[in-house]
Amino acid sequence: MSGRQVKLEHAEKGSILYHYTKSNGINGIINYNCFWATKSDFLNDPNEFSHIQGIIEDVCRENIKNPALREQFLKDSIYAVREKNREYFVLSFSKCRDSITMWSEFGYNIGFRSNEIIARIEEAAEIAYHGLVVYDTRQQKQLIRRIICASLPHLLHMPLDAILDAGSRDPRDGNYLKACRKFQKTAEVYAMFFKHEGFAQEQEYRFIFKKQKDTTVYFRPKDGFMLPYIEIPLSERNLPIEEIMVAPQNHIDLAKNGMEYMLQTKGYDADVSLSNIKLRY
C-alpha cells in the first residue's frame, strides 16, 4: 500500500533540476561523476523527518473525535516509528535556478536535464523514493487525511470508526493491526518529503536512499563536526548538464573562467552563467 498510496510529484519531462554545491562538490561531480547523499538527520532542518508528526496529530484530532481511540491509534502507528532504527541518505536538487537562499551557502549551481539525470541516478543506485518536497501545510494535511479517511477504509472494507472500535476492544485485532502498519509505512515515506513552510524557497527535489548492509558510509568535516554521507557514483560518460551558474561572490570572473575551462577540458558543451542577483561583500 505504501508505494501505491504515496503521491509524490515528479519532475516534468524536459525540466531542469538544479544541484547547488560548493567548489569541492562540483569538482567531484564534474571530474568523478559522483554525488554525495547526506545522512537525513544531518540536514539543515533540525526537524527533518519529524515535522510530519504534528501534521498527523492535527489531522487525527480533526477526524477522530474520541480521544481514547485517537491516542491509541497514534500510539500503535506513528509513535512506534521512533523506536525503529532506519537510516536514510538524501541527495537534494532544486527547481529554483537562481536562489538567494541557496547562494548563502553554496558557490555553484549545476543544471541537469531532469529525465536524464534521474535515469543516470537510477542506474547507479537503488532509489527508495524521489520527488518534490511538500511545504504547504494544507496540502500535507490533505495527503494524510486521504490515507486515514479514505485509503484505510477502502483497503479494509470497513469504516474508520469500525476499525478503531475493533482495536479498542482487542489491540491485536487483525484489521486494526493491518491499518496501523499500513498507515505507519505510508506516513514514514511522507515524513521524508514534508518540510516546514519556512523552507519553501528551496523548492527542493529530493532523492532518498536507504542504507543497506553493504553500504559504505564516509565522513567529511563540516563546521566543526563530522558529516556522514554515501557516494552515488554514476557511469563514466559525461553527465546531462545543461548549464552551470556561479554564485554572486568575490572574484566572480575567475570563478566563471575557471569553470568554463574545466568544462572544456572534460568535453562538455554547456553554458556557464552568472547569477542575476547582485550582492556587495
C-alpha atoms as a PDB file:
ATOM      1  CA  MET A   1       0.000   0.000   0.000  1.00  0.00           C
ATOM      2  CA  SER A   2       2.712   2.485   0.930  1.00  0.00           C
ATOM      3  CA  GLY A   3       4.178   2.639  -2.567  1.00  0.00           C
ATOM      4  CA  ARG A   4       0.786   2.920  -4.300  1.00  0.00           C
ATOM      5  CA  GLN A   5      -0.765   5.366  -1.865  1.00  0.00           C
ATOM      6  CA  VAL A   6       2.097   7.848  -1.627  1.00  0.00           C
ATOM      7  CA  LYS A   7       1.530  10.715  -4.046  1.00  0.00           C
ATOM      8  CA  LEU A   8       4.821  12.430  -4.886  1.00  0.00           C
ATOM      9  CA  GLU A   9       5.132  15.000  -7.644  1.00  0.00           C
ATOM     10  CA  HIS A  10       7.920  14.030 -10.012  1.00  0.00           C
ATOM     11  CA  ALA A  11       9.963  16.307 -12.268  1.00  0.00           C
ATOM     12  CA  GLU A  12       8.269  17.273 -15.503  1.00  0.00           C
ATOM     13  CA  LYS A  13       9.755  15.952 -18.729  1.00  0.00           C
ATOM     14  CA  GLY A  14      12.082  18.488 -20.260  1.00  0.00           C
ATOM     15  CA  SER A  15      12.521  20.394 -16.992  1.00  0.00           C
ATOM     16  CA  ILE A  16      15.822  21.254 -15.321  1.00  0.00           C
ATOM     17  CA  LEU A  17      16.847  20.145 -11.841  1.00  0.00           C
ATOM     18  CA  TYR A  18      19.476  22.313 -10.159  1.00  0.00           C
ATOM     19  CA  HIS A  19      22.076  20.992  -7.743  1.00  0.00           C
ATOM     20  CA  TYR A  20      23.647  23.667  -5.531  1.00  0.00           C
ATOM     21  CA  THR A  21      27.128  22.794  -4.332  1.00  0.00           C
ATOM     22  CA  LYS A  22      30.499  24.119  -3.207  1.00  0.00           C
ATOM     23  CA  SER A  23      33.807  24.017  -5.073  1.00  0.00           C
ATOM     24  CA  ASN A  24      34.852  20.611  -3.720  1.00  0.00           C
ATOM     25  CA  GLY A  25      31.412  19.247  -4.553  1.00  0.00           C
ATOM     26  CA  ILE A  26      31.421  20.459  -8.134  1.00  0.00           C
ATOM     27  CA  ASN A  27      34.943  19.080  -8.552  1.00  0.00           C
ATOM     28  CA  GLY A  28      33.758  15.615  -7.519  1.00  0.00           C
ATOM     29  CA  ILE A  29      30.687  15.771  -9.741  1.00  0.00           C
ATOM     30  CA  ILE A  30      32.450  17.008 -12.894  1.00  0.00           C
ATOM     31  CA  ASN A  31      35.730  15.092 -12.553  1.00  0.00           C
ATOM     32  CA  TYR A  32      34.500  11.885 -10.943  1.00  0.00           C
ATOM     33  CA  ASN A  33      30.769  11.742 -11.820  1.00  0.00           C
ATOM     34  CA  CYS A  34      29.983  11.222  -8.160  1.00  0.00           C
ATOM     35  CA  PHE A  35      27.252  12.691  -5.931  1.00  0.00           C
ATOM     36  CA  TRP A  36      27.230  12.675  -2.145  1.00  0.00           C
ATOM     37  CA  ALA A  37      23.994  11.887  -0.301  1.00  0.00           C
ATOM     38  CA  THR A  38      23.860  13.193   3.282  1.00  0.00           C
ATOM     39  CA  LYS A  39      22.501  11.271   6.259  1.00  0.00           C
ATOM     40  CA  SER A  40      18.980  12.503   6.876  1.00  0.00           C
ATOM     41  CA  ASP A  41      19.448  13.660  10.471  1.00  0.00           C
ATOM     42  CA  PHE A  42      22.379  15.890   9.456  1.00  0.00           C
ATOM     43  CA  LEU A  43      20.392  18.077   7.029  1.00  0.00           C
ATOM     44  CA  ASN A  44      19.775  21.796   7.534  1.00  0.00           C
ATOM     45  CA  ASP A  45      16.316  21.324   9.065  1.00  0.00           C
ATOM     46  CA  PRO A  46      16.648  20.100  12.694  1.00  0.00           C
ATOM     47  CA  ASN A  47      13.113  18.695  12.465  1.00  0.00           C
ATOM     48  CA  GLU A  48      13.904  16.688   9.341  1.00  0.00           C
ATOM     49  CA  PHE A  49      11.633  13.622   9.100  1.00  0.00           C
ATOM     50  CA  SER A  50       9.784  14.558  12.336  1.00  0.00           C
ATOM     51  CA  HIS A  51       7.770  17.572  11.078  1.00  0.00           C
ATOM     52  CA  ILE A  52       5.061  15.166   9.931  1.00  0.00           C
ATOM     53  CA  GLN A  53       4.193  14.149  13.490  1.00  0.00           C
ATOM     54  CA  GLY A  54       2.451  17.456  14.212  1.00  0.00           C
ATOM     55  CA  ILE A  55       0.574  17.214  10.915  1.00  0.00           C
ATOM     56  CA  ILE A  56      -0.669  13.716  11.752  1.00  0.00           C
ATOM     57  CA  GLU A  57      -1.730  14.729  15.258  1.00  0.00           C
ATOM     58  CA  ASP A  58      -3.712  17.679  13.862  1.00  0.00           C
ATOM     59  CA  VAL A  59      -5.452  15.513  11.258  1.00  0.00           C
ATOM     60  CA  CYS A  60      -6.288  12.866  13.832  1.00  0.00           C
ATOM     61  CA  ARG A  61      -7.759  15.489  16.197  1.00  0.00           C
ATOM     62  CA  GLU A  62      -9.931  16.774  13.354  1.00  0.00           C
ATOM     63  CA  ASN A  63     -11.148  13.361  12.187  1.00  0.00           C
ATOM     64  CA  ILE A  64     -11.044  11.011  15.193  1.00  0.00           C
ATOM     65  CA  LYS A  65     -13.229  12.690  17.809  1.00  0.00           C
ATOM     66  CA  ASN A  66     -12.922  10.031  20.520  1.00  0.00           C
ATOM     67  CA  PRO A  67      -9.726  10.954  22.478  1.00  0.00           C
ATOM     68  CA  ALA A  68      -9.106   7.398  23.678  1.00  0.00           C
ATOM     69  CA  LEU A  69      -9.361   5.913  20.154  1.00  0.00           C
ATOM     70  CA  ARG A  70      -7.229   8.722  18.752  1.00  0.00           C
ATOM     71  CA  GLU A  71      -4.429   8.268  21.280  1.00  0.00           C
ATOM     72  CA  GLN A  72      -4.418   4.506  20.861  1.00  0.00           C
ATOM     73  CA  PHE A  73      -4.174   4.804  17.075  1.00  0.00           C
ATOM     74  CA  LEU A  74      -1.329   7.314  17.333  1.00  0.00           C
ATOM     75  CA  LYS A  75       0.499   5.128  19.857  1.00  0.00           C
ATOM     76  CA  ASP A  76       0.129   1.955  17.797  1.00  0.00           C
ATOM     77  CA  SER A  77       1.014   3.513  14.431  1.00  0.00           C
ATOM     78  CA  ILE A  78       3.075   6.699  14.478  1.00  0.00           C
ATOM     79  CA  TYR A  79       4.722   6.933  17.875  1.00  0.00           C
ATOM     80  CA  ALA A  80       6.128   3.447  17.322  1.00  0.00           C
ATOM     81  CA  VAL A  81       8.197   4.774  14.379  1.00  0.00           C
ATOM     82  CA  ARG A  82      10.568   6.475  16.818  1.00  0.00           C
ATOM     83  CA  GLU A  83      11.691   3.093  18.097  1.00  0.00           C
ATOM     84  CA  LYS A  84      12.838   1.893  14.695  1.00  0.00           C
ATOM     85  CA  ASN A  85      16.404   2.293  13.502  1.00  0.00           C
ATOM     86  CA  ARG A  86      16.145   3.026   9.795  1.00  0.00           C
ATOM     87  CA  GLU A  87      18.908   5.026   8.148  1.00  0.00           C
ATOM     88  CA  TYR A  88      18.259   7.172   5.079  1.00  0.00           C
ATOM     89  CA  PHE A  89      20.520   9.362   2.981  1.00  0.00           C
ATOM     90  CA  VAL A  90      19.312  12.330   0.963  1.00  0.00           C
ATOM     91  CA  LEU A  91      20.515  13.831  -2.313  1.00  0.00           C
ATOM     92  CA  SER A  92      18.963  17.239  -2.929  1.00  0.00           C
ATOM     93  CA  PHE A  93      18.234  19.209  -6.076  1.00  0.00           C
ATOM     94  CA  SER A  94      16.048  22.267  -6.600  1.00  0.00           C
ATOM     95  CA  LYS A  95      13.592  23.636  -9.135  1.00  0.00           C
ATOM     96  CA  CYS A  96      14.931  27.144  -8.479  1.00  0.00           C
ATOM     97  CA  ARG A  97      17.637  28.343 -10.864  1.00  0.00           C
ATOM     98  CA  ASP A  98      18.853  31.426  -9.002  1.00  0.00           C
ATOM     99  CA  SER A  99      18.103  31.397  -5.268  1.00  0.00           C
ATOM    100  CA  ILE A 100      19.439  33.970  -2.814  1.00  0.00           C
ATOM    101  CA  THR A 101      18.654  31.492  -0.038  1.00  0.00           C
ATOM    102  CA  MET A 102      20.831  28.803  -1.594  1.00  0.00           C
ATOM    103  CA  TRP A 103      23.619  31.207  -2.560  1.00  0.00           C
ATOM    104  CA  SER A 104      24.109  31.994   1.127  1.00  0.00           C
ATOM    105  CA  GLU A 105      25.722  28.559   1.466  1.00  0.00           C
ATOM    106  CA  PHE A 106      26.768  27.405  -1.998  1.00  0.00           C
ATOM    107  CA  GLY A 107      29.017  28.765  -4.735  1.00  0.00           C
ATOM    108  CA  TYR A 108      27.799  26.875  -7.809  1.00  0.00           C
ATOM    109  CA  ASN A 109      24.608  25.536  -9.278  1.00  0.00           C
ATOM    110  CA  ILE A 110      24.606  22.698 -11.841  1.00  0.00           C
ATOM    111  CA  GLY A 111      21.508  22.477 -14.020  1.00  0.00           C
ATOM    112  CA  PHE A 112      20.735  18.929 -15.178  1.00  0.00           C
ATOM    113  CA  ARG A 113      18.160  17.761 -17.696  1.00  0.00           C
ATOM    114  CA  SER A 114      15.747  16.123 -15.278  1.00  0.00           C
ATOM    115  CA  ASN A 115      14.686  12.958 -17.082  1.00  0.00           C
ATOM    116  CA  GLU A 116      18.301  12.140 -17.994  1.00  0.00           C
ATOM    117  CA  ILE A 117      19.829  12.735 -14.557  1.00  0.00           C
ATOM    118  CA  ILE A 118      17.056  10.739 -12.868  1.00  0.00           C
ATOM    119  CA  ALA A 119      17.761   7.831 -15.236  1.00  0.00           C
ATOM    120  CA  ARG A 120      21.505   8.060 -14.524  1.00  0.00           C
ATOM    121  CA  ILE A 121      20.950   8.028 -10.763  1.00  0.00           C
ATOM    122  CA  GLU A 122      18.616   5.048 -11.109  1.00  0.00           C
ATOM    123  CA  GLU A 123      21.377   3.218 -12.979  1.00  0.00           C
ATOM    124  CA  ALA A 124      23.855   3.908 -10.189  1.00  0.00           C
ATOM    125  CA  ALA A 125      21.877   3.158  -7.029  1.00  0.00           C
ATOM    126  CA  GLU A 126      18.560   1.894  -5.773  1.00  0.00           C
ATOM    127  CA  ILE A 127      16.386   4.949  -5.192  1.00  0.00           C
ATOM    128  CA  ALA A 128      13.903   4.370  -2.399  1.00  0.00           C
ATOM    129  CA  TYR A 129      11.807   7.419  -3.390  1.00  0.00           C
ATOM    130  CA  HIS A 130      12.182  10.673  -5.280  1.00  0.00           C
ATOM    131  CA  GLY A 131      10.013  13.725  -5.811  1.00  0.00           C
ATOM    132  CA  LEU A 132       9.280  17.299  -4.840  1.00  0.00           C
ATOM    133  CA  VAL A 133       9.218  18.230  -1.179  1.00  0.00           C
ATOM    134  CA  VAL A 134       5.798  19.391   0.095  1.00  0.00           C
ATOM    135  CA  TYR A 135       5.876  22.620   2.144  1.00  0.00           C
ATOM    136  CA  ASP A 136       2.238  23.695   2.181  1.00  0.00           C
ATOM    137  CA  THR A 137       0.570  22.708   5.460  1.00  0.00           C
ATOM    138  CA  ARG A 138      -2.874  22.389   3.874  1.00  0.00           C
ATOM    139  CA  GLN A 139      -1.542  20.025   1.226  1.00  0.00           C
ATOM    140  CA  GLN A 140       0.295  17.985   3.857  1.00  0.00           C
ATOM    141  CA  LYS A 141      -2.905  17.611   5.893  1.00  0.00           C
ATOM    142  CA  GLN A 142      -4.884  16.724   2.779  1.00  0.00           C
ATOM    143  CA  LEU A 143      -2.482  13.892   1.934  1.00  0.00           C
ATOM    144  CA  ILE A 144      -2.599  12.464   5.466  1.00  0.00           C
ATOM    145  CA  ARG A 145      -6.385  12.883   5.683  1.00  0.00           C
ATOM    146  CA  ARG A 146      -6.806  10.938   2.457  1.00  0.00           C
ATOM    147  CA  ILE A 147      -4.900   7.980   3.915  1.00  0.00           C
ATOM    148  CA  ILE A 148      -6.789   7.915   7.211  1.00  0.00           C
ATOM    149  CA  CYS A 149     -10.276   8.703   5.975  1.00  0.00           C
ATOM    150  CA  ALA A 150     -10.271   7.091   2.530  1.00  0.00           C
ATOM    151  CA  SER A 151      -7.394   4.688   1.838  1.00  0.00           C
ATOM    152  CA  LEU A 152      -7.538   2.653   5.046  1.00  0.00           C
ATOM    153  CA  PRO A 153     -11.352   2.177   4.993  1.00  0.00           C
ATOM    154  CA  HIS A 154     -11.163   1.253   1.291  1.00  0.00           C
ATOM    155  CA  LEU A 155      -8.352  -1.231   1.909  1.00  0.00           C
ATOM    156  CA  LEU A 156     -10.146  -2.995   4.779  1.00  0.00           C
ATOM    157  CA  HIS A 157     -13.728  -2.511   3.505  1.00  0.00           C
ATOM    158  CA  MET A 158     -14.625  -1.015   6.887  1.00  0.00           C
ATOM    159  CA  PRO A 159     -15.477   2.498   8.102  1.00  0.00           C
ATOM    160  CA  LEU A 160     -12.674   4.177  10.056  1.00  0.00           C
ATOM    161  CA  ASP A 161     -14.758   4.165  13.265  1.00  0.00           C
ATOM    162  CA  ALA A 162     -15.253   0.399  12.972  1.00  0.00           C
ATOM    163  CA  ILE A 163     -11.510  -0.164  12.518  1.00  0.00           C
ATOM    164  CA  LEU A 164     -10.695   1.892  15.606  1.00  0.00           C
ATOM    165  CA  ASP A 165     -13.504   0.343  17.670  1.00  0.00           C
ATOM    166  CA  ALA A 166     -12.178  -3.126  16.847  1.00  0.00           C
ATOM    167  CA  GLY A 167      -8.742  -2.049  18.060  1.00  0.00           C
ATOM    168  CA  SER A 168     -10.148  -0.655  21.313  1.00  0.00           C
ATOM    169  CA  ARG A 169     -11.834  -3.982  22.071  1.00  0.00           C
ATOM    170  CA  ASP A 170      -8.813  -6.052  21.048  1.00  0.00           C
ATOM    171  CA  PRO A 171      -5.478  -4.312  20.332  1.00  0.00           C
ATOM    172  CA  ARG A 172      -4.414  -7.480  18.468  1.00  0.00           C
ATOM    173  CA  ASP A 173      -7.382  -7.370  16.098  1.00  0.00           C
ATOM    174  CA  GLY A 174      -6.147  -8.265  12.616  1.00  0.00           C
ATOM    175  CA  ASN A 175      -7.823  -5.429  10.743  1.00  0.00           C
ATOM    176  CA  TYR A 176      -6.742  -2.848  13.301  1.00  0.00           C
ATOM    177  CA  LEU A 177      -3.108  -4.014  13.227  1.00  0.00           C
ATOM    178  CA  LYS A 178      -3.150  -4.010   9.434  1.00  0.00           C
ATOM    179  CA  ALA A 179      -4.459  -0.437   9.413  1.00  0.00           C
ATOM    180  CA  CYS A 180      -1.749   0.676  11.848  1.00  0.00           C
ATOM    181  CA  ARG A 181       1.036  -0.984   9.838  1.00  0.00           C
ATOM    182  CA  LYS A 182      -0.185   0.374   6.514  1.00  0.00           C
ATOM    183  CA  PHE A 183      -0.579   3.893   7.850  1.00  0.00           C
ATOM    184  CA  GLN A 184       2.811   3.757   9.525  1.00  0.00           C
ATOM    185  CA  LYS A 185       4.567   2.687   6.313  1.00  0.00           C
ATOM    186  CA  THR A 186       2.860   5.341   4.212  1.00  0.00           C
ATOM    187  CA  ALA A 187       3.432   8.113   6.756  1.00  0.00           C
ATOM    188  CA  GLU A 188       7.070   7.091   7.047  1.00  0.00           C
ATOM    189  CA  VAL A 189       7.540   7.853   3.349  1.00  0.00           C
ATOM    190  CA  TYR A 190       5.719  11.188   3.553  1.00  0.00           C
ATOM    191  CA  ALA A 191       7.922  12.091   6.529  1.00  0.00           C
ATOM    192  CA  MET A 192      10.840  12.281   4.103  1.00  0.00           C
ATOM    193  CA  PHE A 193       9.023  14.799   1.892  1.00  0.00           C
ATOM    194  CA  PHE A 194       7.153  17.055   4.340  1.00  0.00           C
ATOM    195  CA  LYS A 195       9.042  20.149   5.497  1.00  0.00           C
ATOM    196  CA  HIS A 196       8.166  23.321   7.339  1.00  0.00           C
ATOM    197  CA  GLU A 197       6.857  26.078   5.069  1.00  0.00           C
ATOM    198  CA  GLY A 198       9.786  28.289   6.130  1.00  0.00           C
ATOM    199  CA  PHE A 199      11.991  26.238   3.787  1.00  0.00           C
ATOM    200  CA  ALA A 200       9.676  26.650   0.779  1.00  0.00           C
ATOM    201  CA  GLN A 201      12.069  28.912  -1.147  1.00  0.00           C
ATOM    202  CA  GLU A 202      14.429  25.954  -1.550  1.00  0.00           C
ATOM    203  CA  GLN A 203      11.933  24.255  -3.941  1.00  0.00           C
ATOM    204  CA  GLU A 204      13.699  21.008  -3.176  1.00  0.00           C
ATOM    205  CA  TYR A 205      13.575  17.891  -5.311  1.00  0.00           C
ATOM    206  CA  ARG A 206      14.753  15.001  -3.192  1.00  0.00           C
ATOM    207  CA  PHE A 207      16.214  11.543  -3.785  1.00  0.00           C
ATOM    208  CA  ILE A 208      16.059   9.117  -0.843  1.00  0.00           C
ATOM    209  CA  PHE A 209      18.407   6.156  -0.471  1.00  0.00           C
ATOM    210  CA  LYS A 210      18.036   3.554   2.252  1.00  0.00           C
ATOM    211  CA  LYS A 211      21.235   2.313   3.882  1.00  0.00           C
ATOM    212  CA  GLN A 212      21.846  -1.327   3.033  1.00  0.00           C
ATOM    213  CA  LYS A 213      24.057  -3.804   4.882  1.00  0.00           C
ATOM    214  CA  ASP A 214      26.861  -3.367   2.359  1.00  0.00           C
ATOM    215  CA  THR A 215      26.568   0.439   2.096  1.00  0.00           C
ATOM    216  CA  THR A 216      29.837   2.223   2.846  1.00  0.00           C
ATOM    217  CA  VAL A 217      29.378   5.386   4.889  1.00  0.00           C
ATOM    218  CA  TYR A 218      32.014   8.125   4.593  1.00  0.00           C
ATOM    219  CA  PHE A 219      32.641  11.196   6.743  1.00  0.00           C
ATOM    220  CA  ARG A 220      33.778  14.714   5.944  1.00  0.00           C
ATOM    221  CA  PRO A 221      34.388  17.676   8.245  1.00  0.00           C
ATOM    222  CA  LYS A 222      31.856  20.490   8.277  1.00  0.00           C
ATOM    223  CA  ASP A 223      31.587  23.401  10.728  1.00  0.00           C
ATOM    224  CA  GLY A 224      33.406  21.539  13.479  1.00  0.00           C
ATOM    225  CA  PHE A 225      31.678  18.149  13.203  1.00  0.00           C
ATOM    226  CA  MET A 226      31.884  15.055  11.005  1.00  0.00           C
ATOM    227  CA  LEU A 227      29.149  14.784   8.373  1.00  0.00           C
ATOM    228  CA  PRO A 228      28.131  11.228   7.310  1.00  0.00           C
ATOM    229  CA  TYR A 229      27.404  10.630   3.636  1.00  0.00           C
ATOM    230  CA  ILE A 230      27.345   7.920   0.990  1.00  0.00           C
ATOM    231  CA  GLU A 231      28.641   8.104  -2.551  1.00  0.00           C
ATOM    232  CA  ILE A 232      26.385   7.792  -5.598  1.00  0.00           C
ATOM    233  CA  PRO A 233      28.916   7.052  -8.380  1.00  0.00           C
ATOM    234  CA  LEU A 234      27.482   7.457 -11.866  1.00  0.00           C
ATOM    235  CA  SER A 235      28.898   5.867 -15.021  1.00  0.00           C
ATOM    236  CA  GLU A 236      31.915   7.485 -16.679  1.00  0.00           C
ATOM    237  CA  ARG A 237      30.120   9.065 -19.628  1.00  0.00           C
ATOM    238  CA  ASN A 238      29.501  12.805 -19.337  1.00  0.00           C
ATOM    239  CA  LEU A 239      26.572  13.967 -17.267  1.00  0.00           C
ATOM    240  CA  PRO A 240      23.460  15.625 -18.789  1.00  0.00           C
ATOM    241  CA  ILE A 241      24.499  19.147 -17.782  1.00  0.00           C
ATOM    242  CA  GLU A 242      22.520  21.999 -19.324  1.00  0.00           C
ATOM    243  CA  GLU A 243      24.336  24.860 -17.601  1.00  0.00           C
ATOM    244  CA  ILE A 244      26.355  25.881 -14.574  1.00  0.00           C
ATOM    245  CA  MET A 245      25.643  29.064 -12.659  1.00  0.00           C
ATOM    246  CA  VAL A 246      28.173  30.888 -10.487  1.00  0.00           C
ATOM    247  CA  ALA A 247      27.031  32.490  -7.235  1.00  0.00           C
ATOM    248  CA  PRO A 248      27.361  36.238  -6.623  1.00  0.00           C
ATOM    249  CA  GLN A 249      30.761  36.353  -4.961  1.00  0.00           C
ATOM    250  CA  ASN A 250      34.161  37.952  -4.951  1.00  0.00           C
ATOM    251  CA  HIS A 251      36.374  37.010  -7.940  1.00  0.00           C
ATOM    252  CA  ILE A 252      33.272  36.018  -9.867  1.00  0.00           C
ATOM    253  CA  ASP A 253      35.136  36.489 -13.168  1.00  0.00           C
ATOM    254  CA  LEU A 254      37.783  33.963 -12.163  1.00  0.00           C
ATOM    255  CA  ALA A 255      35.127  31.544 -10.945  1.00  0.00           C
ATOM    256  CA  LYS A 256      33.366  31.748 -14.316  1.00  0.00           C
ATOM    257  CA  ASN A 257      36.561  31.437 -16.364  1.00  0.00           C
ATOM    258  CA  GLY A 258      37.801  28.515 -14.307  1.00  0.00           C
ATOM    259  CA  MET A 259      34.529  26.673 -14.676  1.00  0.00           C
ATOM    260  CA  GLU A 260      34.391  27.247 -18.431  1.00  0.00           C
ATOM    261  CA  TYR A 261      37.917  25.891 -18.788  1.00  0.00           C
ATOM    262  CA  MET A 262      37.096  22.886 -16.602  1.00  0.00           C
ATOM    263  CA  LEU A 263      34.053  22.006 -18.704  1.00  0.00           C
ATOM    264  CA  GLN A 264      36.037  22.424 -21.899  1.00  0.00           C
ATOM    265  CA  THR A 265      38.768  20.042 -20.753  1.00  0.00           C
ATOM    266  CA  LYS A 266      36.149  17.442 -19.789  1.00  0.00           C
ATOM    267  CA  GLY A 267      34.383  17.643 -23.150  1.00  0.00           C
ATOM    268  CA  TYR A 268      31.208  19.399 -22.020  1.00  0.00           C
ATOM    269  CA  ASP A 269      29.228  21.803 -24.182  1.00  0.00           C
ATOM    270  CA  ALA A 270      27.316  23.705 -21.508  1.00  0.00           C
ATOM    271  CA  ASP A 271      26.861  27.370 -20.698  1.00  0.00           C
ATOM    272  CA  VAL A 272      28.391  28.951 -17.609  1.00  0.00           C
ATOM    273  CA  SER A 273      26.203  31.791 -16.336  1.00  0.00           C
ATOM    274  CA  LEU A 274      26.456  34.359 -13.571  1.00  0.00           C
ATOM    275  CA  SER A 275      23.727  34.808 -11.012  1.00  0.00           C
ATOM    276  CA  ASN A 276      21.366  37.698 -11.762  1.00  0.00           C
ATOM    277  CA  ILE A 277      21.398  38.563  -8.062  1.00  0.00           C
ATOM    278  CA  LYS A 278      23.781  41.391  -7.164  1.00  0.00           C
ATOM    279  CA  LEU A 279      25.374  41.411  -3.731  1.00  0.00           C
ATOM    280  CA  ARG A 280      28.027  43.598  -2.150  1.00  0.00           C
ATOM    281  CA  TYR A 281      30.510  41.792   0.065  1.00  0.00           C
END
